[in-house]
Amino acid sequence: MKILLAALAIASAFFGNAYAQGDKPTIVLVHGAFADSSSWNGVVKILEKDGYPVVAVANPLRGVKNDAGYVADVLGSIKSPVVLVGHSYGGSVISEAADGHATVKALVYVAAFAPDAGESAAQLAGKFPGSSLGPTLAPPVTLSSGGKDLYIQQDKFHEQFAADVPKAEARLMAAAQRPIEEAALNEVQTGAAWKKVPSWFIYGDGDKNIPAEALAFMAARAHSQGTVVIKGASHVVMVSHPGPVARLIERAAAKASQ
């Protein structure tokens, strides 16, 4: 046990020094509902090849305050400047988690919600017409806590969530999807870090979960430093178009390093 603790202490010191001495900010990736950390794999490959330290957080998907608290704990363990990236509901989480964290130098919203205080993801999704998510949801799974978990029906997942991803890959994503607790989508925001931290946005105009008009509204409201719209891209633009997503993150990182 003593040997193990000593090894952990050495590893902690090593990584702490690596963060402190690194020239590039750490990229922290937060997935959204119906996805998991593997949805960032294509983006991670590019970022790591370009020399960025990357952490893909396992978002609990239990509620904005809960999930933001977890991400904030992860942020607290990182000594370098951070570029915080959120997909979908993960945008709500990073908007809350970054509040008060001086190490977060940039926010990147990937087909993501950027709520203001007092707003919820569900409100923003319904602010403009175009979302077809509701009818594709499976009957909720009732939890022992009294809450309800939401999944997308597997036979509707490809068309609804990942239409521009190869069918075989989308089938695997459907089977491995992480559910979100229903209440999380209706929980109102208390923090809106994009009001203080520079932000960038990327999304596809073929998104069926969050209408492109809603995404454009949020980007404009946040005074986005750079907005990229991928023609025809689905809600999982980071899976189908990892290159443009990674490039935008690196643009944000370059700005954060100035």
Protein backbone atom coordinates (compact mmCIF):
# COMPACT_ATOMS: atom_id res chain seq x y z
CA MET A 1 0.00 0.00 0.00
CA LYS A 2 2.84 2.40 0.89
CA ILE A 3 4.47 1.72 -2.46
CA LEU A 4 1.17 2.36 -4.26
CA LEU A 5 0.60 5.64 -2.41
CA ALA A 6 4.14 6.76 -3.17
CA ALA A 7 3.66 5.94 -6.84
CA LEU A 8 0.43 7.92 -6.92
CA ALA A 9 2.12 10.88 -5.28
CA ILE A 10 4.92 10.81 -7.84
CA ALA A 11 2.42 10.54 -10.70
CA SER A 12 0.42 13.45 -9.29
CA ALA A 13 3.52 15.60 -9.02
CA PHE A 14 4.61 14.64 -12.53
CA PHE A 15 1.31 15.50 -14.15
CA GLY A 16 0.98 18.65 -12.06
CA ASN A 17 4.37 19.83 -13.28
CA ALA A 18 3.51 18.83 -16.84
CA TYR A 19 0.37 20.95 -16.70
CA ALA A 20 2.24 23.86 -15.13
CA GLN A 21 5.05 23.78 -17.69
CA GLY A 22 3.04 23.07 -20.82
CA ASP A 23 2.79 25.74 -23.49
CA LYS A 24 -0.69 24.71 -24.61
CA PRO A 25 -3.93 24.81 -22.62
CA THR A 26 -5.65 21.62 -21.62
CA ILE A 27 -8.74 20.80 -23.65
CA VAL A 28 -11.59 19.49 -21.49
CA LEU A 29 -14.40 17.83 -23.48
CA VAL A 30 -17.89 17.30 -22.02
CA HIS A 31 -20.35 15.10 -23.91
CA GLY A 32 -24.10 15.55 -23.91
CA ALA A 33 -27.20 13.39 -23.62
CA PHE A 34 -27.51 10.10 -25.53
CA ALA A 35 -23.72 10.08 -26.08
CA ASP A 36 -20.60 9.22 -24.11
CA SER A 37 -16.96 10.29 -24.01
CA SER A 38 -16.10 8.12 -27.02
CA SER A 39 -18.07 10.56 -29.18
CA TRP A 40 -14.98 12.80 -28.95
CA ASN A 41 -12.55 10.13 -30.22
CA GLY A 42 -12.01 11.66 -33.65
CA VAL A 43 -11.46 15.12 -32.17
CA VAL A 44 -9.13 13.79 -29.46
CA LYS A 45 -6.89 12.11 -32.06
CA ILE A 46 -6.38 15.41 -33.86
CA LEU A 47 -5.86 17.49 -30.72
CA GLU A 48 -3.35 15.05 -29.25
CA LYS A 49 -1.49 14.83 -32.56
CA ASP A 50 -1.18 18.62 -32.42
CA GLY A 51 0.28 18.49 -28.93
CA TYR A 52 -2.70 19.38 -26.74
CA PRO A 53 -3.35 17.63 -23.43
CA VAL A 54 -6.95 16.40 -23.50
CA VAL A 55 -9.44 15.20 -20.88
CA ALA A 56 -12.79 13.77 -22.03
CA VAL A 57 -15.04 13.91 -18.97
CA ALA A 58 -17.72 11.30 -18.27
CA ASN A 59 -20.72 13.60 -17.82
CA PRO A 60 -23.12 12.05 -15.25
CA LEU A 61 -26.24 13.43 -17.06
CA ARG A 62 -28.14 13.67 -13.77
CA GLY A 63 -28.82 17.42 -13.59
CA VAL A 64 -27.17 20.74 -14.42
CA LYS A 65 -26.04 21.59 -10.88
CA ASN A 66 -24.90 18.03 -10.16
CA ASP A 67 -23.07 17.59 -13.45
CA ALA A 68 -21.50 21.05 -13.36
CA GLY A 69 -20.24 20.30 -9.86
CA TYR A 70 -18.52 17.17 -11.12
CA VAL A 71 -16.94 18.98 -14.08
CA ALA A 72 -15.86 21.81 -11.76
CA ASP A 73 -14.08 19.22 -9.60
CA VAL A 74 -12.22 18.01 -12.69
CA LEU A 75 -11.31 21.60 -13.56
CA GLY A 76 -9.96 22.07 -10.06
CA SER A 77 -7.48 19.23 -10.62
CA ILE A 78 -5.96 20.84 -13.73
CA LYS A 79 -3.19 23.38 -13.20
CA SER A 80 -2.92 24.75 -16.74
CA PRO A 81 -5.28 27.13 -18.55
CA VAL A 82 -8.32 25.28 -19.92
CA VAL A 83 -10.43 25.38 -23.05
CA LEU A 84 -13.77 23.92 -21.97
CA VAL A 85 -15.85 22.27 -24.70
CA GLY A 86 -19.44 21.05 -24.47
CA HIS A 87 -21.70 19.12 -26.81
CA SER A 88 -25.49 19.43 -26.68
CA TYR A 89 -26.65 19.36 -23.03
CA GLY A 90 -22.95 19.48 -22.18
CA GLY A 91 -23.14 23.16 -23.15
CA SER A 92 -25.48 23.77 -20.22
CA VAL A 93 -23.00 21.99 -17.97
CA ILE A 94 -19.93 23.95 -19.07
CA SER A 95 -21.83 27.24 -18.82
CA GLU A 96 -22.41 26.46 -15.15
CA ALA A 97 -19.14 24.68 -14.35
CA ALA A 98 -16.86 27.43 -15.70
CA ASP A 99 -18.46 30.13 -13.59
CA GLY A 100 -15.84 31.28 -11.08
CA HIS A 101 -13.00 29.16 -12.53
CA ALA A 102 -10.28 31.58 -13.61
CA THR A 103 -8.35 28.80 -15.37
CA VAL A 104 -11.09 28.50 -18.02
CA LYS A 105 -9.96 30.83 -20.78
CA ALA A 106 -12.34 29.82 -23.58
CA LEU A 107 -15.62 28.00 -24.13
CA VAL A 108 -16.49 26.03 -27.26
CA TYR A 109 -20.07 25.01 -27.92
CA VAL A 110 -20.44 22.04 -30.29
CA ALA A 111 -24.10 21.79 -31.36
CA ALA A 112 -24.66 22.83 -27.76
CA PHE A 113 -26.95 24.77 -25.49
CA ALA A 114 -25.68 28.05 -24.09
CA PRO A 115 -28.45 28.97 -21.64
CA ASP A 116 -28.77 32.21 -19.76
CA ALA A 117 -29.49 32.16 -16.04
CA GLY A 118 -33.11 31.14 -15.55
CA GLU A 119 -33.31 29.18 -18.81
CA SER A 120 -33.35 25.42 -19.35
CA ALA A 121 -32.22 23.26 -22.25
CA ALA A 122 -35.83 22.25 -22.93
CA GLN A 123 -36.91 25.88 -23.14
CA LEU A 124 -34.18 26.72 -25.63
CA ALA A 125 -34.86 23.63 -27.76
CA GLY A 126 -38.50 24.70 -28.04
CA LYS A 127 -37.81 28.38 -28.62
CA PHE A 128 -37.68 27.83 -32.39
CA PRO A 129 -39.42 25.16 -34.50
CA GLY A 130 -37.56 22.20 -35.94
CA SER A 131 -36.65 19.75 -33.19
CA SER A 132 -38.03 16.26 -33.82
CA LEU A 133 -36.49 14.63 -30.74
CA GLY A 134 -39.66 14.16 -28.67
CA PRO A 135 -41.40 11.48 -30.79
CA THR A 136 -38.17 9.46 -31.08
CA LEU A 137 -37.74 8.99 -27.32
CA ALA A 138 -38.37 5.57 -25.83
CA PRO A 139 -40.78 5.18 -22.88
CA PRO A 140 -38.88 6.60 -19.88
CA VAL A 141 -37.11 4.24 -17.51
CA THR A 142 -38.45 4.86 -14.00
CA LEU A 143 -35.67 5.10 -11.43
CA SER A 144 -35.80 4.00 -7.81
CA SER A 145 -35.08 7.64 -6.90
CA GLY A 146 -38.35 8.65 -8.51
CA GLY A 147 -36.75 10.24 -11.55
CA LYS A 148 -36.97 9.10 -15.16
CA ASP A 149 -34.19 8.29 -17.62
CA LEU A 150 -34.60 9.16 -21.30
CA TYR A 151 -33.21 7.21 -24.26
CA ILE A 152 -33.67 7.56 -28.01
CA GLN A 153 -35.32 4.52 -29.56
CA GLN A 154 -32.54 2.53 -31.16
CA ASP A 155 -34.31 2.14 -34.50
CA LYS A 156 -34.75 5.92 -34.73
CA PHE A 157 -31.31 6.88 -33.41
CA HIS A 158 -29.50 7.03 -36.75
CA GLU A 159 -31.97 9.32 -38.50
CA GLN A 160 -32.63 11.53 -35.48
CA PHE A 161 -29.24 11.87 -33.83
CA ALA A 162 -26.52 10.89 -36.29
CA ALA A 163 -27.87 10.95 -39.83
CA ASP A 164 -24.48 11.74 -41.39
CA VAL A 165 -22.65 8.97 -39.52
CA PRO A 166 -22.27 5.55 -41.22
CA LYS A 167 -25.21 3.33 -40.31
CA ALA A 168 -23.08 0.62 -38.68
CA GLU A 169 -21.34 3.18 -36.46
CA ALA A 170 -24.65 4.81 -35.55
CA ARG A 171 -26.01 1.39 -34.54
CA LEU A 172 -23.17 1.00 -32.05
CA MET A 173 -23.76 4.52 -30.75
CA ALA A 174 -27.45 3.74 -30.27
CA ALA A 175 -26.72 0.62 -28.24
CA ALA A 176 -24.15 2.40 -26.06
CA GLN A 177 -26.02 5.69 -25.60
CA ARG A 178 -25.99 7.21 -22.11
CA PRO A 179 -29.44 8.23 -20.82
CA ILE A 180 -30.18 11.63 -19.37
CA GLU A 181 -32.46 12.15 -16.42
CA GLU A 182 -35.57 13.92 -17.66
CA ALA A 183 -35.40 16.59 -14.96
CA ALA A 184 -31.92 17.66 -16.19
CA LEU A 185 -33.36 19.03 -19.42
CA ASN A 186 -35.85 21.13 -17.46
CA GLU A 187 -33.48 22.33 -14.75
CA VAL A 188 -32.91 26.07 -14.97
CA GLN A 189 -29.44 27.51 -15.21
CA THR A 190 -27.90 29.57 -12.41
CA GLY A 191 -24.65 30.44 -14.21
CA ALA A 192 -23.90 31.69 -17.71
CA ALA A 193 -20.12 31.71 -18.06
CA TRP A 194 -20.31 32.76 -21.72
CA LYS A 195 -21.13 36.26 -20.50
CA LYS A 196 -17.58 36.56 -19.13
CA VAL A 197 -15.52 33.98 -21.02
CA PRO A 198 -14.92 34.23 -24.81
CA SER A 199 -16.88 31.57 -26.69
CA TRP A 200 -16.88 29.83 -30.07
CA PHE A 201 -19.70 27.85 -31.70
CA ILE A 202 -19.91 25.08 -34.30
CA TYR A 203 -22.98 23.14 -35.42
CA GLY A 204 -24.65 21.57 -38.42
CA ASP A 205 -27.67 22.97 -40.21
CA GLY A 206 -29.07 19.42 -40.38
CA ASP A 207 -29.35 19.14 -36.58
CA LYS A 208 -32.67 17.52 -35.60
CA ASN A 209 -32.23 17.75 -31.82
CA ILE A 210 -31.54 21.47 -31.48
CA PRO A 211 -32.87 23.62 -34.34
CA ALA A 212 -30.16 25.47 -36.25
CA GLU A 213 -32.08 28.69 -35.65
CA ALA A 214 -31.81 28.17 -31.89
CA LEU A 215 -28.08 27.48 -32.17
CA ALA A 216 -27.58 30.63 -34.25
CA PHE A 217 -29.55 32.64 -31.68
CA MET A 218 -27.38 31.40 -28.82
CA ALA A 219 -24.14 32.05 -30.73
CA ALA A 220 -25.19 35.61 -31.55
CA ARG A 221 -26.35 36.28 -27.99
CA ALA A 222 -23.01 35.07 -26.62
CA HIS A 223 -21.13 37.35 -29.07
CA SER A 224 -19.35 34.31 -30.46
CA GLN A 225 -15.70 34.90 -31.39
CA GLY A 226 -16.18 32.54 -34.31
CA THR A 227 -19.17 30.53 -35.54
CA VAL A 228 -18.86 27.63 -37.99
CA VAL A 229 -21.93 26.07 -39.61
CA ILE A 230 -21.39 22.71 -41.32
CA LYS A 231 -23.84 22.22 -44.17
CA GLY A 232 -25.98 19.12 -43.68
CA ALA A 233 -24.23 18.03 -40.49
CA SER A 234 -26.23 16.20 -37.83
CA HIS A 235 -26.37 16.77 -34.09
CA VAL A 236 -23.13 14.79 -33.61
CA VAL A 237 -21.01 17.08 -35.76
CA MET A 238 -17.91 16.15 -33.71
CA VAL A 239 -18.32 12.51 -34.84
CA SER A 240 -19.07 13.18 -38.50
CA HIS A 241 -16.76 16.21 -38.90
CA PRO A 242 -14.00 15.96 -36.28
CA GLY A 243 -11.58 18.05 -38.36
CA PRO A 244 -13.54 21.33 -38.35
CA VAL A 245 -14.46 20.82 -34.68
CA ALA A 246 -10.81 20.28 -33.70
CA ARG A 247 -9.71 23.30 -35.75
CA LEU A 248 -12.22 25.55 -34.01
CA ILE A 249 -11.10 24.28 -30.60
CA GLU A 250 -7.50 25.01 -31.58
CA ARG A 251 -8.48 28.52 -32.67
CA ALA A 252 -10.00 29.07 -29.25
CA ALA A 253 -6.90 27.59 -27.62
CA ALA A 254 -4.59 29.90 -29.58
CA LYS A 255 -6.61 32.88 -28.46
CA ALA A 256 -6.58 31.62 -24.88
CA SER A 257 -2.79 31.36 -24.98
CA GLN A 258 -2.26 35.01 -25.93
